[in-house]
Amino acid sequence: MVLVSGIAVVDLIASGLEHVARPGELAFCSVRPSIGGHACNVSADLVRLGLSKSRLRAVFPAGRDLFGEFLTRHLQEQGVRVDPVFARRTPTSLDLILVARGEDRRYHADPGANIEMTSAPILKRLESDRPLVFYAGGVGLLGRFDEELGRVLRRAKGLGALTFVDAVSPYGRTWTFLRKALPWTDIFHCNADEARSLVGESDPDRAAAAIRQLGAKNVLVTLGGEGCVAAVAASVLHVPAFKVRVVDPTGAGDAFSAGIILKIHRLLAGGRRAGDLSAKDWKDILLYASACGAVCTTGVGTTTAVGARTVKSLIDRQAAAIVPFLRCRRTRRALP
């Protein structure tokens, strides 16, 4: 069983822009709504990658509005069991994303219902579902839940779950809440900018090591088109990126996380223990997750291009060329 929680957003994606419109200019492009936010994206990706729908539940905040209905209905249509937590005062979070050719994405976000999230609905599900994996995505934008993150993770581990935390730059607060929670975090994922903000290290290797020193057992720092760095199993792994034609990079990090969760869940369900995973196990896990992230970028939207067959096809075509460049360096001591 996988319990997914975290931020939920409706992405309004303007793609195919030749350039961002100047003041007063009308620029034509494709504008489409899409599910967004870690909880929604990771849940949808897990189903698309082959996780049994009966082994997945998603808990996320939403407003009592048409966008909240859109998120709920879209996930239910994909077979995800959902527990939307409806905010009393705030609307569903929206994110206007501008995707201009040859440029990085531009985000314009309203945090909406995410900032009203509390830990109570998630603690209730942890007690009832007893998941093998508990995922908290988008921490930093989750209001009171962020302040209670350490307590939630500690309870999840007490119930036997592997804990996976995916962070974003905090809204209206510092990183203190996360530093307190890292000792109960089995897997921590962020991008290079978030890692630098958290520990003040611009070098990904040093950043991953510094985050591990704060207590996280395994640290994954994704670098976009440069691949990822992972401090895992008393080793530091460098995983090159797969080569694909990028159409829309939105959601790639969530697809990467879904790939990690799927592989880890299958190992745990087969009787493996998370603390016993070797560097070789992690190489296989990270190669698969990197392919998931790469495939995601080949279509418009956060989840539309993700699928078990397309990921397998990409691995079959490119893994032989990537593996020789996948580097592993042993560290001097085991992970905490």
Foldseek 3Di string as FASTA:
>chain_A
DEEAEEEKEWEFEFFPWQDPDDVPDDTDGDTDIFIDTLQLLLLLLLLQQPDDQVQYEGEYEAEPDVVRVVSVVVSVVSSHHYDYDYDDPWHRKYWYWYYHPPDDIDIDIDLTRQQVAACVVVLVCCVVPLHQAYEYEAQQSRHHNLQCVQVSLVVSVVSNHQYEYEYDHHDPDACPSVLSNQQSHAEYEYEQVVLCRNQVDNDQVVSQVVSLVSHHQKYWYAYVQQGIWICHQQKIKGFHAQDDDFRALAQLVSQLVSLLVNLVSVCVVVPDDSNPDHPVSVVVSRLLSRLSSRQQRRDPHNHPRRHNVSSVVSCVVPVVVGVVVIDMGGHPDHGD
